[in-house]
Amino acid sequence: MLSLASTSQAPHGHAMRGVVAAIGAGIVLGSMYIPYRKAYITGMNPLTFITFFTVGELATMAVLAVSFSGGSKTFWHELVKSRGVLFWPMLGGFMWVVGDLFQNYAAKYVGISRGIPLSNTNQLWGLLWGILVFGELHGLTRALYAQVIGGSLLMAIGAVAIAFSSATEGEYSSWKEAAQRESDLYNIEPAYVAARMEGKETNANNHARTLIDWLLIAGASLIFAAFALMASIPEMEIHWGWLAALTSAMLLVLVAGGVALWRITRFN
């Protein structure tokens, strides 16, 4: 339904390129759940996984960007020329990493088949931001609204069905068997895997923050602050009332989810 709406209302006549690119993105993004599964079933802390995942992504895209732009000098020139807008994709990346951290905990505690479809309800947030805040469908036909909203709501109904489905004893047994296979494959202590899958620390000692930890936090904060000072606010029509409402709702959900997860797991 969403593809049909896109192809019928493409402003530049290249809708199929976007549809094909979106399908390709879905295939590639779906394949990344293979390492997700390996990570959470062997007890890796999602914070550690996200760190490696993000560094790997940045390194890969940096190599591709330098290669396709014709060299490091040209790439640097493009960055300098675009310095006024660099803060916004950085901010988007920061928000993505926080969301992906929650997604890793979802995959760890309810499995990929449940956690990933539920986390991909971000499509509904995108629908609300696009329609209510940016007015992307303003003035278009009711049929188009029905296609876009209907396709998104259909996905939401599936997510609700998944959320309210109960895991059977057979499913828990399958989880344990899978964990045992991974333990045998990588020669990991089964008790360690079981504890980490339940969010428990095998080592009860609490480690205090070191100077390096605080330097990393301060350095990252200063980088964001520097790019924020260089940022220019783009000119676009925004419905500020809906912006405030959606931002408040997202922050409320984020805080509530974060507090609940912290109480249960202490982010282990």
C-alpha atoms as a PDB file:
ATOM      1  CA  MET A   1       0.000   0.000   0.000  1.00  0.00           C
ATOM      2  CA  LEU A   2       2.828   2.391   0.845  1.00  0.00           C
ATOM      3  CA  SER A   3       4.638   1.523  -2.394  1.00  0.00           C
ATOM      4  CA  LEU A   4       1.475   2.159  -4.389  1.00  0.00           C
ATOM      5  CA  ALA A   5       1.045   5.530  -2.733  1.00  0.00           C
ATOM      6  CA  SER A   6       4.680   6.396  -3.474  1.00  0.00           C
ATOM      7  CA  THR A   7       4.603   5.450  -7.153  1.00  0.00           C
ATOM      8  CA  SER A   8       1.402   7.377  -7.811  1.00  0.00           C
ATOM      9  CA  GLN A   9       2.562  10.610  -6.168  1.00  0.00           C
ATOM     10  CA  ALA A  10       6.272  10.784  -6.987  1.00  0.00           C
ATOM     11  CA  PRO A  11       7.224  14.442  -7.596  1.00  0.00           C
ATOM     12  CA  HIS A  12      10.145  13.695  -9.901  1.00  0.00           C
ATOM     13  CA  GLY A  13       8.995  10.577 -11.718  1.00  0.00           C
ATOM     14  CA  HIS A  14      11.577   8.290 -10.100  1.00  0.00           C
ATOM     15  CA  ALA A  15       9.412   6.602  -7.496  1.00  0.00           C
ATOM     16  CA  MET A  16      10.471   3.066  -8.424  1.00  0.00           C
ATOM     17  CA  ARG A  17      14.070   3.937  -7.663  1.00  0.00           C
ATOM     18  CA  GLY A  18      13.032   4.844  -4.144  1.00  0.00           C
ATOM     19  CA  VAL A  19      10.844   1.747  -3.767  1.00  0.00           C
ATOM     20  CA  VAL A  20      13.643  -0.561  -4.956  1.00  0.00           C
ATOM     21  CA  ALA A  21      16.134   1.189  -2.676  1.00  0.00           C
ATOM     22  CA  ALA A  22      13.764   0.779   0.280  1.00  0.00           C
ATOM     23  CA  ILE A  23      13.323  -2.937  -0.432  1.00  0.00           C
ATOM     24  CA  GLY A  24      17.101  -3.325  -0.755  1.00  0.00           C
ATOM     25  CA  ALA A  25      17.555  -1.540   2.558  1.00  0.00           C
ATOM     26  CA  GLY A  26      15.055  -3.895   4.161  1.00  0.00           C
ATOM     27  CA  ILE A  27      16.947  -6.955   2.926  1.00  0.00           C
ATOM     28  CA  VAL A  28      20.310  -5.679   4.131  1.00  0.00           C
ATOM     29  CA  LEU A  29      18.967  -4.412   7.445  1.00  0.00           C
ATOM     30  CA  GLY A  30      17.243  -7.753   7.969  1.00  0.00           C
ATOM     31  CA  SER A  31      20.516  -9.618   7.549  1.00  0.00           C
ATOM     32  CA  MET A  32      22.122  -7.702  10.405  1.00  0.00           C
ATOM     33  CA  TYR A  33      20.002  -9.708  12.848  1.00  0.00           C
ATOM     34  CA  ILE A  34      22.308 -12.675  12.297  1.00  0.00           C
ATOM     35  CA  PRO A  35      25.084 -11.022  14.343  1.00  0.00           C
ATOM     36  CA  TYR A  36      22.389  -9.689  16.700  1.00  0.00           C
ATOM     37  CA  ARG A  37      21.403 -13.255  17.519  1.00  0.00           C
ATOM     38  CA  LYS A  38      24.986 -14.399  17.948  1.00  0.00           C
ATOM     39  CA  ALA A  39      25.619 -11.504  20.307  1.00  0.00           C
ATOM     40  CA  TYR A  40      22.641 -11.711  22.627  1.00  0.00           C
ATOM     41  CA  ILE A  41      22.461 -15.501  22.849  1.00  0.00           C
ATOM     42  CA  THR A  42      26.096 -15.693  23.978  1.00  0.00           C
ATOM     43  CA  GLY A  43      25.444 -13.088  26.645  1.00  0.00           C
ATOM     44  CA  MET A  44      27.169 -10.045  25.137  1.00  0.00           C
ATOM     45  CA  ASN A  45      26.152  -6.800  26.801  1.00  0.00           C
ATOM     46  CA  PRO A  46      24.065  -4.757  24.302  1.00  0.00           C
ATOM     47  CA  LEU A  47      26.151  -1.674  25.161  1.00  0.00           C
ATOM     48  CA  THR A  48      29.265  -3.507  23.976  1.00  0.00           C
ATOM     49  CA  PHE A  49      27.503  -4.748  20.852  1.00  0.00           C
ATOM     50  CA  ILE A  50      26.256  -1.271  19.899  1.00  0.00           C
ATOM     51  CA  THR A  51      29.759   0.154  20.358  1.00  0.00           C
ATOM     52  CA  PHE A  52      31.314  -2.322  17.918  1.00  0.00           C
ATOM     53  CA  PHE A  53      28.320  -2.074  15.603  1.00  0.00           C
ATOM     54  CA  THR A  54      28.504   1.733  15.405  1.00  0.00           C
ATOM     55  CA  VAL A  55      32.277   1.884  14.997  1.00  0.00           C
ATOM     56  CA  GLY A  56      32.056  -0.700  12.213  1.00  0.00           C
ATOM     57  CA  GLU A  57      29.311   1.246  10.474  1.00  0.00           C
ATOM     58  CA  LEU A  58      31.203   4.549  10.702  1.00  0.00           C
ATOM     59  CA  ALA A  59      34.411   2.992   9.405  1.00  0.00           C
ATOM     60  CA  THR A  60      32.615   1.313   6.493  1.00  0.00           C
ATOM     61  CA  MET A  61      30.777   4.469   5.448  1.00  0.00           C
ATOM     62  CA  ALA A  62      33.927   6.583   5.805  1.00  0.00           C
ATOM     63  CA  VAL A  63      35.798   4.267   3.409  1.00  0.00           C
ATOM     64  CA  LEU A  64      32.883   4.319   0.936  1.00  0.00           C
ATOM     65  CA  ALA A  65      32.526   8.106   1.156  1.00  0.00           C
ATOM     66  CA  VAL A  66      36.227   8.734   0.540  1.00  0.00           C
ATOM     67  CA  SER A  67      36.275   6.236  -2.332  1.00  0.00           C
ATOM     68  CA  PHE A  68      33.184   7.538  -4.124  1.00  0.00           C
ATOM     69  CA  SER A  69      34.012  11.226  -3.620  1.00  0.00           C
ATOM     70  CA  GLY A  70      37.393  10.879  -5.322  1.00  0.00           C
ATOM     71  CA  GLY A  71      39.796  10.925  -2.410  1.00  0.00           C
ATOM     72  CA  SER A  72      40.255  12.230   1.101  1.00  0.00           C
ATOM     73  CA  LYS A  73      40.840  15.869   0.042  1.00  0.00           C
ATOM     74  CA  THR A  74      37.608  16.056  -1.906  1.00  0.00           C
ATOM     75  CA  PHE A  75      35.753  14.321   0.904  1.00  0.00           C
ATOM     76  CA  TRP A  76      37.130  16.770   3.469  1.00  0.00           C
ATOM     77  CA  HIS A  77      36.205  19.704   1.226  1.00  0.00           C
ATOM     78  CA  GLU A  78      32.628  18.433   1.035  1.00  0.00           C
ATOM     79  CA  LEU A  79      32.475  18.120   4.815  1.00  0.00           C
ATOM     80  CA  VAL A  80      33.780  21.656   5.328  1.00  0.00           C
ATOM     81  CA  LYS A  81      31.326  23.022   2.774  1.00  0.00           C
ATOM     82  CA  SER A  82      28.448  21.259   4.545  1.00  0.00           C
ATOM     83  CA  ARG A  83      29.519  22.066   8.104  1.00  0.00           C
ATOM     84  CA  GLY A  84      26.350  24.081   8.709  1.00  0.00           C
ATOM     85  CA  VAL A  85      24.160  20.981   8.466  1.00  0.00           C
ATOM     86  CA  LEU A  86      26.468  18.305   9.921  1.00  0.00           C
ATOM     87  CA  PHE A  87      24.966  18.677  13.385  1.00  0.00           C
ATOM     88  CA  TRP A  88      21.563  17.421  12.233  1.00  0.00           C
ATOM     89  CA  PRO A  89      22.657  14.004  10.909  1.00  0.00           C
ATOM     90  CA  MET A  90      24.904  13.687  13.984  1.00  0.00           C
ATOM     91  CA  LEU A  91      21.882  14.312  16.192  1.00  0.00           C
ATOM     92  CA  GLY A  92      19.853  11.814  14.168  1.00  0.00           C
ATOM     93  CA  GLY A  93      22.641   9.269  14.559  1.00  0.00           C
ATOM     94  CA  PHE A  94      22.711   9.810  18.310  1.00  0.00           C
ATOM     95  CA  MET A  95      18.969   9.201  18.551  1.00  0.00           C
ATOM     96  CA  TRP A  96      19.277   6.137  16.298  1.00  0.00           C
ATOM     97  CA  VAL A  97      21.953   4.600  18.531  1.00  0.00           C
ATOM     98  CA  VAL A  98      19.789   5.089  21.635  1.00  0.00           C
ATOM     99  CA  GLY A  99      16.867   3.448  19.839  1.00  0.00           C
ATOM    100  CA  ASP A 100      19.073   0.625  18.588  1.00  0.00           C
ATOM    101  CA  LEU A 101      20.251   0.004  22.138  1.00  0.00           C
ATOM    102  CA  PHE A 102      16.639  -0.593  23.172  1.00  0.00           C
ATOM    103  CA  GLN A 103      16.221  -2.838  20.126  1.00  0.00           C
ATOM    104  CA  ASN A 104      19.182  -4.955  21.224  1.00  0.00           C
ATOM    105  CA  TYR A 105      17.637  -5.454  24.647  1.00  0.00           C
ATOM    106  CA  ALA A 106      14.374  -6.401  22.923  1.00  0.00           C
ATOM    107  CA  ALA A 107      16.165  -8.988  20.782  1.00  0.00           C
ATOM    108  CA  LYS A 108      17.973 -10.292  23.829  1.00  0.00           C
ATOM    109  CA  TYR A 109      14.948 -10.749  26.090  1.00  0.00           C
ATOM    110  CA  VAL A 110      12.041 -11.592  23.732  1.00  0.00           C
ATOM    111  CA  GLY A 111      13.914 -12.802  20.662  1.00  0.00           C
ATOM    112  CA  ILE A 112      14.328 -11.493  17.140  1.00  0.00           C
ATOM    113  CA  SER A 113      10.969 -12.757  15.884  1.00  0.00           C
ATOM    114  CA  ARG A 114       9.162 -10.617  18.470  1.00  0.00           C
ATOM    115  CA  GLY A 115      11.524  -7.819  19.404  1.00  0.00           C
ATOM    116  CA  ILE A 116      12.428  -6.639  15.903  1.00  0.00           C
ATOM    117  CA  PRO A 117       8.858  -6.358  14.506  1.00  0.00           C
ATOM    118  CA  LEU A 118       7.819  -4.486  17.644  1.00  0.00           C
ATOM    119  CA  SER A 119      10.761  -2.079  17.452  1.00  0.00           C
ATOM    120  CA  ASN A 120       9.988  -1.387  13.807  1.00  0.00           C
ATOM    121  CA  THR A 121       6.822   0.379  14.851  1.00  0.00           C
ATOM    122  CA  ASN A 122       9.029   3.438  14.342  1.00  0.00           C
ATOM    123  CA  GLN A 123       7.179   3.555  11.027  1.00  0.00           C
ATOM    124  CA  LEU A 124       4.189   4.918  12.932  1.00  0.00           C
ATOM    125  CA  TRP A 125       6.296   7.683  14.437  1.00  0.00           C
ATOM    126  CA  GLY A 126       7.583   8.535  10.974  1.00  0.00           C
ATOM    127  CA  LEU A 127       4.007   8.672   9.708  1.00  0.00           C
ATOM    128  CA  LEU A 128       2.978  11.054  12.480  1.00  0.00           C
ATOM    129  CA  TRP A 129       6.019  13.314  12.012  1.00  0.00           C
ATOM    130  CA  GLY A 130       5.594  13.418   8.244  1.00  0.00           C
ATOM    131  CA  ILE A 131       1.865  14.150   8.248  1.00  0.00           C
ATOM    132  CA  LEU A 132       1.358  16.248  11.381  1.00  0.00           C
ATOM    133  CA  VAL A 133       4.640  18.167  11.769  1.00  0.00           C
ATOM    134  CA  PHE A 134       5.931  18.526   8.203  1.00  0.00           C
ATOM    135  CA  GLY A 135       2.584  18.373   6.394  1.00  0.00           C
ATOM    136  CA  GLU A 136       3.936  16.099   3.656  1.00  0.00           C
ATOM    137  CA  LEU A 137       0.495  14.925   2.488  1.00  0.00           C
ATOM    138  CA  HIS A 138      -1.223  18.299   2.771  1.00  0.00           C
ATOM    139  CA  GLY A 139      -3.724  18.922  -0.011  1.00  0.00           C
ATOM    140  CA  LEU A 140      -3.557  15.416  -1.477  1.00  0.00           C
ATOM    141  CA  THR A 141      -6.457  13.040  -2.068  1.00  0.00           C
ATOM    142  CA  ARG A 142      -8.280  10.982   0.523  1.00  0.00           C
ATOM    143  CA  ALA A 143      -7.311   7.831  -1.366  1.00  0.00           C
ATOM    144  CA  LEU A 144      -3.643   8.630  -0.822  1.00  0.00           C
ATOM    145  CA  TYR A 145      -4.225   9.262   2.875  1.00  0.00           C
ATOM    146  CA  ALA A 146      -6.012   5.902   3.081  1.00  0.00           C
ATOM    147  CA  GLN A 147      -3.116   4.086   1.411  1.00  0.00           C
ATOM    148  CA  VAL A 148      -0.408   5.624   3.575  1.00  0.00           C
ATOM    149  CA  ILE A 149      -2.278   5.495   6.879  1.00  0.00           C
ATOM    150  CA  GLY A 150      -3.853   2.116   6.106  1.00  0.00           C
ATOM    151  CA  GLY A 151      -0.521   0.503   5.314  1.00  0.00           C
ATOM    152  CA  SER A 152       0.981   1.815   8.531  1.00  0.00           C
ATOM    153  CA  LEU A 153      -1.997   0.798  10.667  1.00  0.00           C
ATOM    154  CA  LEU A 154      -1.911  -2.692   9.154  1.00  0.00           C
ATOM    155  CA  MET A 155       1.667  -3.003  10.353  1.00  0.00           C
ATOM    156  CA  ALA A 156       0.624  -1.673  13.780  1.00  0.00           C
ATOM    157  CA  ILE A 157      -2.088  -4.320  14.113  1.00  0.00           C
ATOM    158  CA  GLY A 158       0.515  -7.010  13.474  1.00  0.00           C
ATOM    159  CA  ALA A 159       2.792  -5.455  16.110  1.00  0.00           C
ATOM    160  CA  VAL A 160      -0.034  -5.445  18.668  1.00  0.00           C
ATOM    161  CA  ALA A 161      -0.755  -9.105  17.920  1.00  0.00           C
ATOM    162  CA  ILE A 162       2.914  -9.963  18.481  1.00  0.00           C
ATOM    163  CA  ALA A 163       3.067  -7.927  21.687  1.00  0.00           C
ATOM    164  CA  PHE A 164       0.122  -9.731  23.243  1.00  0.00           C
ATOM    165  CA  SER A 165       1.141 -13.238  22.148  1.00  0.00           C
ATOM    166  CA  SER A 166       2.329 -15.569  24.891  1.00  0.00           C
ATOM    167  CA  ALA A 167       5.514 -17.601  24.758  1.00  0.00           C
ATOM    168  CA  THR A 168       4.878 -21.308  25.243  1.00  0.00           C
ATOM    169  CA  GLU A 169       7.019 -23.747  27.175  1.00  0.00           C
ATOM    170  CA  GLY A 170       8.205 -25.124  23.841  1.00  0.00           C
ATOM    171  CA  GLU A 171       9.521 -21.691  22.856  1.00  0.00           C
ATOM    172  CA  TYR A 172      11.498 -21.378  26.091  1.00  0.00           C
ATOM    173  CA  SER A 173      12.898 -24.849  25.514  1.00  0.00           C
ATOM    174  CA  SER A 174      14.003 -23.803  22.026  1.00  0.00           C
ATOM    175  CA  TRP A 175      15.752 -20.785  23.508  1.00  0.00           C
ATOM    176  CA  LYS A 176      17.637 -22.977  25.972  1.00  0.00           C
ATOM    177  CA  GLU A 177      18.618 -25.423  23.234  1.00  0.00           C
ATOM    178  CA  ALA A 178      19.867 -22.577  21.050  1.00  0.00           C
ATOM    179  CA  ALA A 179      21.869 -21.152  23.943  1.00  0.00           C
ATOM    180  CA  GLN A 180      23.386 -24.547  24.594  1.00  0.00           C
ATOM    181  CA  ARG A 181      24.396 -24.883  20.927  1.00  0.00           C
ATOM    182  CA  GLU A 182      26.098 -21.493  21.043  1.00  0.00           C
ATOM    183  CA  SER A 183      27.835 -22.387  24.307  1.00  0.00           C
ATOM    184  CA  ASP A 184      29.189 -25.572  22.762  1.00  0.00           C
ATOM    185  CA  LEU A 185      30.172 -23.828  19.520  1.00  0.00           C
ATOM    186  CA  TYR A 186      32.179 -21.049  21.177  1.00  0.00           C
ATOM    187  CA  ASN A 187      33.231 -23.009  24.272  1.00  0.00           C
ATOM    188  CA  ILE A 188      31.455 -20.597  26.615  1.00  0.00           C
ATOM    189  CA  GLU A 189      30.416 -21.582  30.119  1.00  0.00           C
ATOM    190  CA  PRO A 190      26.646 -22.379  30.018  1.00  0.00           C
ATOM    191  CA  ALA A 191      26.070 -20.712  33.387  1.00  0.00           C
ATOM    192  CA  TYR A 192      27.575 -17.491  32.033  1.00  0.00           C
ATOM    193  CA  VAL A 193      25.274 -17.534  28.987  1.00  0.00           C
ATOM    194  CA  ALA A 194      22.198 -18.257  31.118  1.00  0.00           C
ATOM    195  CA  ALA A 195      23.016 -15.471  33.573  1.00  0.00           C
ATOM    196  CA  ARG A 196      23.672 -12.867  30.904  1.00  0.00           C
ATOM    197  CA  MET A 197      20.500 -13.760  28.977  1.00  0.00           C
ATOM    198  CA  GLU A 198      18.573 -13.073  32.192  1.00  0.00           C
ATOM    199  CA  GLY A 199      20.353  -9.752  32.676  1.00  0.00           C
ATOM    200  CA  LYS A 200      22.424 -10.931  35.623  1.00  0.00           C
ATOM    201  CA  GLU A 201      26.076 -10.183  36.206  1.00  0.00           C
ATOM    202  CA  THR A 202      28.329 -13.192  36.751  1.00  0.00           C
ATOM    203  CA  ASN A 203      30.741 -10.875  38.555  1.00  0.00           C
ATOM    204  CA  ALA A 204      28.981  -8.943  41.304  1.00  0.00           C
ATOM    205  CA  ASN A 205      31.778  -6.407  41.727  1.00  0.00           C
ATOM    206  CA  ASN A 206      30.810  -2.897  40.727  1.00  0.00           C
ATOM    207  CA  HIS A 207      33.404  -1.032  38.716  1.00  0.00           C
ATOM    208  CA  ALA A 208      33.764   2.698  39.291  1.00  0.00           C
ATOM    209  CA  ARG A 209      34.072   5.081  36.353  1.00  0.00           C
ATOM    210  CA  THR A 210      37.676   5.734  35.401  1.00  0.00           C
ATOM    211  CA  LEU A 211      39.327   8.891  34.144  1.00  0.00           C
ATOM    212  CA  ILE A 212      39.219   7.499  30.607  1.00  0.00           C
ATOM    213  CA  ASP A 213      35.442   7.035  30.903  1.00  0.00           C
ATOM    214  CA  TRP A 214      34.925  10.664  31.871  1.00  0.00           C
ATOM    215  CA  LEU A 215      37.315  11.879  29.169  1.00  0.00           C
ATOM    216  CA  LEU A 216      35.348   9.945  26.535  1.00  0.00           C
ATOM    217  CA  ILE A 217      32.063  11.415  27.775  1.00  0.00           C
ATOM    218  CA  ALA A 218      33.499  14.937  27.880  1.00  0.00           C
ATOM    219  CA  GLY A 219      35.093  14.583  24.441  1.00  0.00           C
ATOM    220  CA  ALA A 220      31.889  13.322  22.818  1.00  0.00           C
ATOM    221  CA  SER A 221      29.880  16.111  24.457  1.00  0.00           C
ATOM    222  CA  LEU A 222      32.332  18.760  23.266  1.00  0.00           C
ATOM    223  CA  ILE A 223      32.180  17.421  19.697  1.00  0.00           C
ATOM    224  CA  PHE A 224      28.384  17.702  19.691  1.00  0.00           C
ATOM    225  CA  ALA A 225      28.574  21.177  21.213  1.00  0.00           C
ATOM    226  CA  ALA A 226      31.088  22.321  18.573  1.00  0.00           C
ATOM    227  CA  PHE A 227      28.931  21.101  15.692  1.00  0.00           C
ATOM    228  CA  ALA A 228      25.851  22.636  17.317  1.00  0.00           C
ATOM    229  CA  LEU A 229      27.577  26.032  17.356  1.00  0.00           C
ATOM    230  CA  MET A 230      28.333  25.701  13.623  1.00  0.00           C
ATOM    231  CA  ALA A 231      24.831  24.494  12.774  1.00  0.00           C
ATOM    232  CA  SER A 232      22.420  26.590  10.755  1.00  0.00           C
ATOM    233  CA  ILE A 233      18.699  26.122  11.266  1.00  0.00           C
ATOM    234  CA  PRO A 234      17.100  25.052   7.976  1.00  0.00           C
ATOM    235  CA  GLU A 235      14.107  26.952   6.704  1.00  0.00           C
ATOM    236  CA  MET A 236      11.066  24.701   6.593  1.00  0.00           C
ATOM    237  CA  GLU A 237       7.411  24.900   7.455  1.00  0.00           C
ATOM    238  CA  ILE A 238       6.758  23.142  10.726  1.00  0.00           C
ATOM    239  CA  HIS A 239       3.594  22.825  12.777  1.00  0.00           C
ATOM    240  CA  TRP A 240       5.015  23.739  16.147  1.00  0.00           C
ATOM    241  CA  GLY A 241       2.049  22.523  18.177  1.00  0.00           C
ATOM    242  CA  TRP A 242       2.330  18.995  16.801  1.00  0.00           C
ATOM    243  CA  LEU A 243       6.117  19.198  17.130  1.00  0.00           C
ATOM    244  CA  ALA A 244       5.797  19.910  20.849  1.00  0.00           C
ATOM    245  CA  ALA A 245       3.163  17.203  21.320  1.00  0.00           C
ATOM    246  CA  LEU A 246       5.122  14.465  19.532  1.00  0.00           C
ATOM    247  CA  THR A 247       8.394  15.438  21.208  1.00  0.00           C
ATOM    248  CA  SER A 248       6.738  15.288  24.622  1.00  0.00           C
ATOM    249  CA  ALA A 249       5.198  11.904  23.836  1.00  0.00           C
ATOM    250  CA  MET A 250       8.521  10.478  22.607  1.00  0.00           C
ATOM    251  CA  LEU A 251      10.401  11.751  25.661  1.00  0.00           C
ATOM    252  CA  LEU A 252       7.732  10.301  27.956  1.00  0.00           C
ATOM    253  CA  VAL A 253       7.971   6.884  26.304  1.00  0.00           C
ATOM    254  CA  LEU A 254      11.787   7.059  26.324  1.00  0.00           C
ATOM    255  CA  VAL A 255      11.983   7.907  30.035  1.00  0.00           C
ATOM    256  CA  ALA A 256       9.353   5.334  31.028  1.00  0.00           C
ATOM    257  CA  GLY A 257      11.029   2.606  28.971  1.00  0.00           C
ATOM    258  CA  GLY A 258      14.485   3.535  30.212  1.00  0.00           C
ATOM    259  CA  VAL A 259      13.442   3.516  33.871  1.00  0.00           C
ATOM    260  CA  ALA A 260      11.659   0.169  33.511  1.00  0.00           C
ATOM    261  CA  LEU A 261      14.650  -1.402  31.765  1.00  0.00           C
ATOM    262  CA  TRP A 262      17.063   0.011  34.352  1.00  0.00           C
ATOM    263  CA  ARG A 263      15.040  -1.387  37.249  1.00  0.00           C
ATOM    264  CA  ILE A 264      14.994  -4.864  35.731  1.00  0.00           C
ATOM    265  CA  THR A 265      18.447  -5.128  34.140  1.00  0.00           C
ATOM    266  CA  ARG A 266      20.611  -2.240  35.409  1.00  0.00           C
ATOM    267  CA  PHE A 267      21.537  -2.150  31.682  1.00  0.00           C
ATOM    268  CA  ASN A 268      23.494  -5.394  32.017  1.00  0.00           C
END
